[in-house]
Amino acid sequence: MSTHAARLSGANDTGLPLAEDMMTGAEAIAKFMFGDATETNKRRVYHAADKLGLPTFRLGGTLCARRSTILRWIEAQESAA
Protein backbone atom coordinates (compact mmCIF):
# COMPACT_ATOMS: atom_id res chain seq x y z
CA MET A 1 0.00 0.00 0.00
CA SER A 2 1.38 3.39 -0.91
CA THR A 3 1.88 6.21 1.57
CA HIS A 4 -0.72 8.25 -0.27
CA ALA A 5 -3.35 5.51 0.04
CA ALA A 6 -2.63 5.09 3.75
CA ARG A 7 -3.00 8.81 4.28
CA LEU A 8 -6.50 8.80 2.79
CA SER A 9 -7.81 7.00 5.88
CA GLY A 10 -7.19 10.17 7.89
CA ALA A 11 -6.75 13.85 7.27
CA ASN A 12 -3.20 13.98 8.61
CA ASP A 13 -0.32 11.90 9.91
CA THR A 14 -2.28 11.09 13.08
CA GLY A 15 -4.94 9.27 11.08
CA LEU A 16 -7.73 11.46 12.48
CA PRO A 17 -10.62 12.18 10.17
CA LEU A 18 -10.71 15.81 9.09
CA ALA A 19 -13.87 16.43 11.13
CA GLU A 20 -12.05 15.43 14.33
CA ASP A 21 -8.83 17.28 13.51
CA MET A 22 -10.28 20.61 12.40
CA MET A 23 -11.48 23.28 14.79
CA THR A 24 -13.76 26.06 13.59
CA GLY A 25 -13.83 29.34 15.49
CA ALA A 26 -11.68 30.96 18.15
CA GLU A 27 -13.94 29.41 20.79
CA ALA A 28 -13.06 25.85 19.73
CA ILE A 29 -9.36 26.69 19.46
CA ALA A 30 -9.36 28.36 22.89
CA LYS A 31 -11.09 25.37 24.45
CA PHE A 32 -8.49 23.04 22.91
CA MET A 33 -5.49 25.15 23.93
CA PHE A 34 -6.56 26.57 27.28
CA GLY A 35 -9.31 24.29 28.53
CA ASP A 36 -12.13 26.77 28.25
CA ALA A 37 -13.38 29.44 25.90
CA THR A 38 -13.54 32.55 28.04
CA GLU A 39 -13.38 35.90 26.28
CA THR A 40 -9.80 36.29 27.52
CA ASN A 41 -8.77 32.94 26.05
CA LYS A 42 -10.43 33.73 22.72
CA ARG A 43 -8.47 37.00 22.63
CA ARG A 44 -5.32 35.01 23.41
CA VAL A 45 -6.03 32.84 20.36
CA TYR A 46 -6.44 35.87 18.08
CA HIS A 47 -3.28 37.43 19.51
CA ALA A 48 -1.26 34.23 19.03
CA ALA A 49 -2.54 33.87 15.47
CA ASP A 50 -1.74 37.49 14.62
CA LYS A 51 1.52 38.08 16.48
CA LEU A 52 3.05 34.74 17.51
CA GLY A 53 2.59 32.60 14.41
CA LEU A 54 -0.13 30.26 15.68
CA PRO A 55 -0.96 28.23 12.57
CA THR A 56 -4.52 29.18 11.66
CA PHE A 57 -6.44 29.88 8.49
CA ARG A 58 -9.75 31.44 7.62
CA LEU A 59 -12.77 29.90 5.97
CA GLY A 60 -14.74 32.96 5.04
CA GLY A 61 -14.36 35.14 8.10
CA THR A 62 -14.04 32.27 10.58
CA LEU A 63 -10.71 31.46 12.19
CA CYS A 64 -9.89 27.75 11.84
CA ALA A 65 -7.03 25.43 12.79
CA ARG A 66 -6.11 21.77 12.89
CA ARG A 67 -5.41 20.14 16.23
CA SER A 68 -2.46 18.23 14.76
CA THR A 69 -0.89 21.39 13.33
CA ILE A 70 -1.26 23.30 16.60
CA LEU A 71 0.30 20.43 18.55
CA ARG A 72 3.30 20.43 16.18
CA TRP A 73 3.57 24.23 16.55
CA ILE A 74 3.54 23.93 20.35
CA GLU A 75 6.25 21.26 20.19
CA ALA A 76 8.37 23.59 18.04
CA GLN A 77 7.87 26.41 20.57
CA GLU A 78 9.00 24.09 23.37
CA SER A 79 12.09 23.07 21.42
CA ALA A 80 13.01 26.69 20.74
CA ALA A 81 12.75 27.69 24.40
PDB file of N, CA and C in Angstrom:
ATOM      1  N   MET A   1       0.836  -1.177   0.000  1.00  0.00           N
ATOM      2  CA  MET A   1       0.000   0.000   0.000  1.00  0.00           C
ATOM      3  C   MET A   1       0.884   1.245   0.000  1.00  0.00           C
ATOM      4  N   SER A   2       0.558   2.192  -0.819  1.00  0.00           N
ATOM      5  CA  SER A   2       1.378   3.389  -0.910  1.00  0.00           C
ATOM      6  C   SER A   2       1.114   4.320   0.266  1.00  0.00           C
ATOM      7  N   THR A   3       2.040   5.239   0.503  1.00  0.00           N
ATOM      8  CA  THR A   3       1.884   6.214   1.567  1.00  0.00           C
ATOM      9  C   THR A   3       0.651   7.068   1.325  1.00  0.00           C
ATOM     10  N   HIS A   4       0.430   7.427   0.074  1.00  0.00           N
ATOM     11  CA  HIS A   4      -0.720   8.252  -0.266  1.00  0.00           C
ATOM     12  C   HIS A   4      -2.026   7.541   0.084  1.00  0.00           C
ATOM     13  N   ALA A   5      -2.134   6.272  -0.241  1.00  0.00           N
ATOM     14  CA  ALA A   5      -3.352   5.510   0.043  1.00  0.00           C
ATOM     15  C   ALA A   5      -3.573   5.391   1.544  1.00  0.00           C
ATOM     16  N   ALA A   6      -2.494   5.195   2.302  1.00  0.00           N
ATOM     17  CA  ALA A   6      -2.629   5.090   3.751  1.00  0.00           C
ATOM     18  C   ALA A   6      -3.096   6.416   4.337  1.00  0.00           C
ATOM     19  N   ARG A   7      -2.646   7.497   3.770  1.00  0.00           N
ATOM     20  CA  ARG A   7      -2.998   8.807   4.281  1.00  0.00           C
ATOM     21  C   ARG A   7      -4.477   9.132   4.058  1.00  0.00           C
ATOM     22  N   LEU A   8      -5.103   8.523   3.064  1.00  0.00           N
ATOM     23  CA  LEU A   8      -6.500   8.804   2.790  1.00  0.00           C
ATOM     24  C   LEU A   8      -7.420   8.366   3.921  1.00  0.00           C
ATOM     25  N   SER A   9      -6.973   7.448   4.775  1.00  0.00           N
ATOM     26  CA  SER A   9      -7.810   7.002   5.876  1.00  0.00           C
ATOM     27  C   SER A   9      -7.976   8.086   6.936  1.00  0.00           C
ATOM     28  N   GLY A  10      -7.113   9.062   6.949  1.00  0.00           N
ATOM     29  CA  GLY A  10      -7.191  10.168   7.892  1.00  0.00           C
ATOM     30  C   GLY A  10      -6.788  11.448   7.211  1.00  0.00           C
ATOM     31  N   ALA A  11      -7.024  12.557   7.873  1.00  0.00           N
ATOM     32  CA  ALA A  11      -6.752  13.851   7.272  1.00  0.00           C
ATOM     33  C   ALA A  11      -5.323  14.304   7.497  1.00  0.00           C
ATOM     34  N   ASN A  12      -4.550  13.552   8.278  1.00  0.00           N
ATOM     35  CA  ASN A  12      -3.203  13.980   8.607  1.00  0.00           C
ATOM     36  C   ASN A  12      -2.392  12.771   9.034  1.00  0.00           C
ATOM     37  N   ASP A  13      -1.196  13.001   9.504  1.00  0.00           N
ATOM     38  CA  ASP A  13      -0.317  11.902   9.908  1.00  0.00           C
ATOM     39  C   ASP A  13      -0.813  11.167  11.146  1.00  0.00           C
ATOM     40  N   THR A  14      -1.739  11.750  11.889  1.00  0.00           N
ATOM     41  CA  THR A  14      -2.279  11.086  13.077  1.00  0.00           C
ATOM     42  C   THR A  14      -3.356  10.086  12.714  1.00  0.00           C
ATOM     43  N   GLY A  15      -3.878  10.159  11.501  1.00  0.00           N
ATOM     44  CA  GLY A  15      -4.939   9.270  11.080  1.00  0.00           C
ATOM     45  C   GLY A  15      -6.326   9.744  11.470  1.00  0.00           C
ATOM     46  N   LEU A  16      -6.412  10.917  12.101  1.00  0.00           N
ATOM     47  CA  LEU A  16      -7.726  11.460  12.482  1.00  0.00           C
ATOM     48  C   LEU A  16      -8.510  11.872  11.248  1.00  0.00           C
ATOM     49  N   PRO A  17      -9.794  11.616  11.236  1.00  0.00           N
ATOM     50  CA  PRO A  17     -10.624  12.178  10.167  1.00  0.00           C
ATOM     51  C   PRO A  17     -10.597  13.704  10.249  1.00  0.00           C
ATOM     52  N   LEU A  18     -10.756  14.351   9.129  1.00  0.00           N
ATOM     53  CA  LEU A  18     -10.710  15.814   9.094  1.00  0.00           C
ATOM     54  C   LEU A  18     -11.674  16.440  10.097  1.00  0.00           C
ATOM     55  N   ALA A  19     -12.870  15.881  10.223  1.00  0.00           N
ATOM     56  CA  ALA A  19     -13.867  16.434  11.133  1.00  0.00           C
ATOM     57  C   ALA A  19     -13.389  16.437  12.583  1.00  0.00           C
ATOM     58  N   GLU A  20     -12.566  15.488  12.956  1.00  0.00           N
ATOM     59  CA  GLU A  20     -12.050  15.433  14.326  1.00  0.00           C
ATOM     60  C   GLU A  20     -10.801  16.279  14.509  1.00  0.00           C
ATOM     61  N   ASP A  21     -10.079  16.524  13.425  1.00  0.00           N
ATOM     62  CA  ASP A  21      -8.830  17.278  13.510  1.00  0.00           C
ATOM     63  C   ASP A  21      -9.056  18.781  13.400  1.00  0.00           C
ATOM     64  N   MET A  22     -10.065  19.186  12.667  1.00  0.00           N
ATOM     65  CA  MET A  22     -10.276  20.607  12.399  1.00  0.00           C
ATOM     66  C   MET A  22     -11.133  21.267  13.468  1.00  0.00           C
ATOM     67  N   MET A  23     -10.712  22.464  13.846  1.00  0.00           N
ATOM     68  CA  MET A  23     -11.479  23.281  14.791  1.00  0.00           C
ATOM     69  C   MET A  23     -11.936  24.529  14.053  1.00  0.00           C
ATOM     70  N   THR A  24     -13.182  24.895  14.257  1.00  0.00           N
ATOM     71  CA  THR A  24     -13.756  26.058  13.594  1.00  0.00           C
ATOM     72  C   THR A  24     -14.137  27.079  14.645  1.00  0.00           C
ATOM     73  N   GLY A  25     -13.520  28.248  14.573  1.00  0.00           N
ATOM     74  CA  GLY A  25     -13.825  29.340  15.485  1.00  0.00           C
ATOM     75  C   GLY A  25     -12.815  29.457  16.614  1.00  0.00           C
ATOM     76  N   ALA A  26     -12.619  30.689  17.053  1.00  0.00           N
ATOM     77  CA  ALA A  26     -11.685  30.958  18.151  1.00  0.00           C
ATOM     78  C   ALA A  26     -12.131  30.261  19.430  1.00  0.00           C
ATOM     79  N   GLU A  27     -13.430  30.083  19.594  1.00  0.00           N
ATOM     80  CA  GLU A  27     -13.944  29.411  20.786  1.00  0.00           C
ATOM     81  C   GLU A  27     -13.439  27.967  20.863  1.00  0.00           C
ATOM     82  N   ALA A  28     -13.529  27.238  19.766  1.00  0.00           N
ATOM     83  CA  ALA A  28     -13.063  25.845  19.734  1.00  0.00           C
ATOM     84  C   ALA A  28     -11.548  25.764  19.939  1.00  0.00           C
ATOM     85  N   ILE A  29     -10.817  26.690  19.324  1.00  0.00           N
ATOM     86  CA  ILE A  29      -9.358  26.693  19.456  1.00  0.00           C
ATOM     87  C   ILE A  29      -8.968  27.022  20.896  1.00  0.00           C
ATOM     88  N   ALA A  30      -9.637  27.994  21.499  1.00  0.00           N
ATOM     89  CA  ALA A  30      -9.360  28.364  22.892  1.00  0.00           C
ATOM     90  C   ALA A  30      -9.650  27.195  23.832  1.00  0.00           C
ATOM     91  N   LYS A  31     -10.743  26.507  23.602  1.00  0.00           N
ATOM     92  CA  LYS A  31     -11.086  25.365  24.448  1.00  0.00           C
ATOM     93  C   LYS A  31     -10.021  24.274  24.334  1.00  0.00           C
ATOM     94  N   PHE A  32      -9.535  24.033  23.132  1.00  0.00           N
ATOM     95  CA  PHE A  32      -8.494  23.035  22.909  1.00  0.00           C
ATOM     96  C   PHE A  32      -7.187  23.446  23.590  1.00  0.00           C
ATOM     97  N   MET A  33      -6.787  24.702  23.426  1.00  0.00           N
ATOM     98  CA  MET A  33      -5.490  25.149  23.926  1.00  0.00           C
ATOM     99  C   MET A  33      -5.478  25.460  25.420  1.00  0.00           C
ATOM    100  N   PHE A  34      -6.561  26.057  25.925  1.00  0.00           N
ATOM    101  CA  PHE A  34      -6.557  26.574  27.285  1.00  0.00           C
ATOM    102  C   PHE A  34      -7.558  25.896  28.217  1.00  0.00           C
ATOM    103  N   GLY A  35      -8.377  25.006  27.689  1.00  0.00           N
ATOM    104  CA  GLY A  35      -9.311  24.286  28.534  1.00  0.00           C
ATOM    105  C   GLY A  35     -10.696  24.878  28.619  1.00  0.00           C
ATOM    106  N   ASP A  36     -10.815  26.149  28.315  1.00  0.00           N
ATOM    107  CA  ASP A  36     -12.133  26.775  28.249  1.00  0.00           C
ATOM    108  C   ASP A  36     -12.098  27.946  27.292  1.00  0.00           C
ATOM    109  N   ALA A  37     -13.280  28.423  26.950  1.00  0.00           N
ATOM    110  CA  ALA A  37     -13.384  29.444  25.902  1.00  0.00           C
ATOM    111  C   ALA A  37     -13.870  30.768  26.469  1.00  0.00           C
ATOM    112  N   THR A  38     -13.198  31.241  27.504  1.00  0.00           N
ATOM    113  CA  THR A  38     -13.540  32.554  28.041  1.00  0.00           C
ATOM    114  C   THR A  38     -13.183  33.620  27.007  1.00  0.00           C
ATOM    115  N   GLU A  39     -13.714  34.793  27.185  1.00  0.00           N
ATOM    116  CA  GLU A  39     -13.380  35.903  26.276  1.00  0.00           C
ATOM    117  C   GLU A  39     -11.874  36.160  26.270  1.00  0.00           C
ATOM    118  N   THR A  40     -11.252  36.085  27.439  1.00  0.00           N
ATOM    119  CA  THR A  40      -9.804  36.291  27.524  1.00  0.00           C
ATOM    120  C   THR A  40      -9.061  35.244  26.705  1.00  0.00           C
ATOM    121  N   ASN A  41      -9.457  33.990  26.810  1.00  0.00           N
ATOM    122  CA  ASN A  41      -8.775  32.939  26.055  1.00  0.00           C
ATOM    123  C   ASN A  41      -9.013  33.065  24.559  1.00  0.00           C
ATOM    124  N   LYS A  42     -10.198  33.498  24.145  1.00  0.00           N
ATOM    125  CA  LYS A  42     -10.435  33.728  22.717  1.00  0.00           C
ATOM    126  C   LYS A  42      -9.544  34.859  22.216  1.00  0.00           C
ATOM    127  N   ARG A  43      -9.378  35.916  23.022  1.00  0.00           N
ATOM    128  CA  ARG A  43      -8.471  37.003  22.635  1.00  0.00           C
ATOM    129  C   ARG A  43      -7.038  36.502  22.550  1.00  0.00           C
ATOM    130  N   ARG A  44      -6.666  35.597  23.444  1.00  0.00           N
ATOM    131  CA  ARG A  44      -5.322  35.014  23.406  1.00  0.00           C
ATOM    132  C   ARG A  44      -5.101  34.253  22.100  1.00  0.00           C
ATOM    133  N   VAL A  45      -6.123  33.570  21.626  1.00  0.00           N
ATOM    134  CA  VAL A  45      -6.029  32.838  20.356  1.00  0.00           C
ATOM    135  C   VAL A  45      -5.803  33.827  19.214  1.00  0.00           C
ATOM    136  N   TYR A  46      -6.604  34.877  19.150  1.00  0.00           N
ATOM    137  CA  TYR A  46      -6.443  35.871  18.076  1.00  0.00           C
ATOM    138  C   TYR A  46      -5.064  36.525  18.146  1.00  0.00           C
ATOM    139  N   HIS A  47      -4.602  36.829  19.347  1.00  0.00           N
ATOM    140  CA  HIS A  47      -3.277  37.434  19.508  1.00  0.00           C
ATOM    141  C   HIS A  47      -2.191  36.475  19.020  1.00  0.00           C
ATOM    142  N   ALA A  48      -2.273  35.209  19.434  1.00  0.00           N
ATOM    143  CA  ALA A  48      -1.264  34.226  19.027  1.00  0.00           C
ATOM    144  C   ALA A  48      -1.267  34.021  17.517  1.00  0.00           C
ATOM    145  N   ALA A  49      -2.449  34.033  16.921  1.00  0.00           N
ATOM    146  CA  ALA A  49      -2.536  33.871  15.467  1.00  0.00           C
ATOM    147  C   ALA A  49      -1.942  35.074  14.743  1.00  0.00           C
ATOM    148  N   ASP A  50      -2.186  36.260  15.275  1.00  0.00           N
ATOM    149  CA  ASP A  50      -1.744  37.488  14.618  1.00  0.00           C
ATOM    150  C   ASP A  50      -0.273  37.809  14.878  1.00  0.00           C
ATOM    151  N   LYS A  51       0.181  37.603  16.101  1.00  0.00           N
ATOM    152  CA  LYS A  51       1.516  38.079  16.481  1.00  0.00           C
ATOM    153  C   LYS A  51       2.548  36.985  16.731  1.00  0.00           C
ATOM    154  N   LEU A  52       2.103  35.775  17.092  1.00  0.00           N
ATOM    155  CA  LEU A  52       3.052  34.743  17.507  1.00  0.00           C
ATOM    156  C   LEU A  52       3.209  33.600  16.513  1.00  0.00           C
ATOM    157  N   GLY A  53       2.453  33.619  15.434  1.00  0.00           N
ATOM    158  CA  GLY A  53       2.589  32.600  14.414  1.00  0.00           C
ATOM    159  C   GLY A  53       1.770  31.351  14.637  1.00  0.00           C
ATOM    160  N   LEU A  54       0.753  31.415  15.503  1.00  0.00           N
ATOM    161  CA  LEU A  54      -0.129  30.265  15.684  1.00  0.00           C
ATOM    162  C   LEU A  54      -0.700  29.876  14.328  1.00  0.00           C
ATOM    163  N   PRO A  55      -0.535  28.633  13.910  1.00  0.00           N
ATOM    164  CA  PRO A  55      -0.960  28.232  12.565  1.00  0.00           C
ATOM    165  C   PRO A  55      -2.484  28.115  12.447  1.00  0.00           C
ATOM    166  N   THR A  56      -3.072  29.137  11.879  1.00  0.00           N
ATOM    167  CA  THR A  56      -4.517  29.180  11.661  1.00  0.00           C
ATOM    168  C   THR A  56      -4.772  29.567  10.212  1.00  0.00           C
ATOM    169  N   PHE A  57      -6.017  29.428   9.816  1.00  0.00           N
ATOM    170  CA  PHE A  57      -6.439  29.880   8.494  1.00  0.00           C
ATOM    171  C   PHE A  57      -7.886  30.293   8.602  1.00  0.00           C
ATOM    172  N   ARG A  58      -8.365  30.974   7.601  1.00  0.00           N
ATOM    173  CA  ARG A  58      -9.749  31.437   7.622  1.00  0.00           C
ATOM    174  C   ARG A  58     -10.560  30.750   6.535  1.00  0.00           C
ATOM    175  N   LEU A  59     -11.751  30.353   6.916  1.00  0.00           N
ATOM    176  CA  LEU A  59     -12.768  29.905   5.971  1.00  0.00           C
ATOM    177  C   LEU A  59     -13.841  30.974   6.022  1.00  0.00           C
ATOM    178  N   GLY A  60     -13.903  31.766   4.963  1.00  0.00           N
ATOM    179  CA  GLY A  60     -14.745  32.961   5.038  1.00  0.00           C
ATOM    180  C   GLY A  60     -14.127  33.878   6.076  1.00  0.00           C
ATOM    181  N   GLY A  61     -14.890  34.288   7.037  1.00  0.00           N
ATOM    182  CA  GLY A  61     -14.364  35.140   8.098  1.00  0.00           C
ATOM    183  C   GLY A  61     -14.077  34.394   9.380  1.00  0.00           C
ATOM    184  N   THR A  62     -14.185  33.063   9.362  1.00  0.00           N
ATOM    185  CA  THR A  62     -14.040  32.270  10.577  1.00  0.00           C
ATOM    186  C   THR A  62     -12.623  31.734  10.720  1.00  0.00           C
ATOM    187  N   LEU A  63     -12.039  31.961  11.881  1.00  0.00           N
ATOM    188  CA  LEU A  63     -10.709  31.463  12.187  1.00  0.00           C
ATOM    189  C   LEU A  63     -10.784  29.950  12.403  1.00  0.00           C
ATOM    190  N   CYS A  64      -9.897  29.206  11.750  1.00  0.00           N
ATOM    191  CA  CYS A  64      -9.890  27.746  11.845  1.00  0.00           C
ATOM    192  C   CYS A  64      -8.460  27.266  12.076  1.00  0.00           C
ATOM    193  N   ALA A  65      -8.344  26.048  12.590  1.00  0.00           N
ATOM    194  CA  ALA A  65      -7.033  25.434  12.790  1.00  0.00           C
ATOM    195  C   ALA A  65      -7.217  23.930  12.904  1.00  0.00           C
ATOM    196  N   ARG A  66      -6.117  23.222  12.687  1.00  0.00           N
ATOM    197  CA  ARG A  66      -6.112  21.771  12.886  1.00  0.00           C
ATOM    198  C   ARG A  66      -5.436  21.461  14.218  1.00  0.00           C
ATOM    199  N   ARG A  67      -6.006  20.549  14.962  1.00  0.00           N
ATOM    200  CA  ARG A  67      -5.407  20.139  16.230  1.00  0.00           C
ATOM    201  C   ARG A  67      -3.975  19.651  16.016  1.00  0.00           C
ATOM    202  N   SER A  68      -3.777  18.812  15.018  1.00  0.00           N
ATOM    203  CA  SER A  68      -2.458  18.231  14.760  1.00  0.00           C
ATOM    204  C   SER A  68      -1.423  19.306  14.440  1.00  0.00           C
ATOM    205  N   THR A  69      -1.818  20.316  13.690  1.00  0.00           N
ATOM    206  CA  THR A  69      -0.894  21.389  13.329  1.00  0.00           C
ATOM    207  C   THR A  69      -0.545  22.232  14.545  1.00  0.00           C
ATOM    208  N   ILE A  70      -1.525  22.522  15.386  1.00  0.00           N
ATOM    209  CA  ILE A  70      -1.258  23.300  16.602  1.00  0.00           C
ATOM    210  C   ILE A  70      -0.349  22.525  17.543  1.00  0.00           C
ATOM    211  N   LEU A  71      -0.570  21.228  17.681  1.00  0.00           N
ATOM    212  CA  LEU A  71       0.299  20.430  18.549  1.00  0.00           C
ATOM    213  C   LEU A  71       1.738  20.445  18.054  1.00  0.00           C
ATOM    214  N   ARG A  72       1.938  20.348  16.736  1.00  0.00           N
ATOM    215  CA  ARG A  72       3.304  20.428  16.178  1.00  0.00           C
ATOM    216  C   ARG A  72       3.903  21.812  16.432  1.00  0.00           C
ATOM    217  N   TRP A  73       3.100  22.870  16.303  1.00  0.00           N
ATOM    218  CA  TRP A  73       3.573  24.231  16.546  1.00  0.00           C
ATOM    219  C   TRP A  73       3.998  24.384  18.009  1.00  0.00           C
ATOM    220  N   ILE A  74       3.206  23.858  18.927  1.00  0.00           N
ATOM    221  CA  ILE A  74       3.543  23.932  20.352  1.00  0.00           C
ATOM    222  C   ILE A  74       4.849  23.184  20.623  1.00  0.00           C
ATOM    223  N   GLU A  75       5.005  22.014  20.027  1.00  0.00           N
ATOM    224  CA  GLU A  75       6.250  21.262  20.193  1.00  0.00           C
ATOM    225  C   GLU A  75       7.454  22.059  19.696  1.00  0.00           C
ATOM    226  N   ALA A  76       7.280  22.758  18.578  1.00  0.00           N
ATOM    227  CA  ALA A  76       8.370  23.592  18.040  1.00  0.00           C
ATOM    228  C   ALA A  76       8.679  24.740  18.987  1.00  0.00           C
ATOM    229  N   GLN A  77       7.651  25.327  19.611  1.00  0.00           N
ATOM    230  CA  GLN A  77       7.872  26.408  20.565  1.00  0.00           C
ATOM    231  C   GLN A  77       8.637  25.899  21.783  1.00  0.00           C
ATOM    232  N   GLU A  78       8.293  24.688  22.234  1.00  0.00           N
ATOM    233  CA  GLU A  78       8.996  24.095  23.373  1.00  0.00           C
ATOM    234  C   GLU A  78      10.452  23.836  23.043  1.00  0.00           C
ATOM    235  N   SER A  79      10.723  23.366  21.846  1.00  0.00           N
ATOM    236  CA  SER A  79      12.087  23.073  21.423  1.00  0.00           C
ATOM    237  C   SER A  79      12.927  24.339  21.320  1.00  0.00           C
ATOM    238  N   ALA A  80      12.292  25.427  20.921  1.00  0.00           N
ATOM    239  CA  ALA A  80      13.010  26.690  20.742  1.00  0.00           C
ATOM    240  C   ALA A  80      13.304  27.389  22.069  1.00  0.00           C
ATOM    241  N   ALA A  81      12.592  27.013  23.105  1.00  0.00           N
ATOM    242  CA  ALA A  81      12.748  27.695  24.404  1.00  0.00           C
ATOM    243  C   ALA A  81      14.032  27.299  25.098  1.00  0.00           C
TER     244      ALA A  81
END
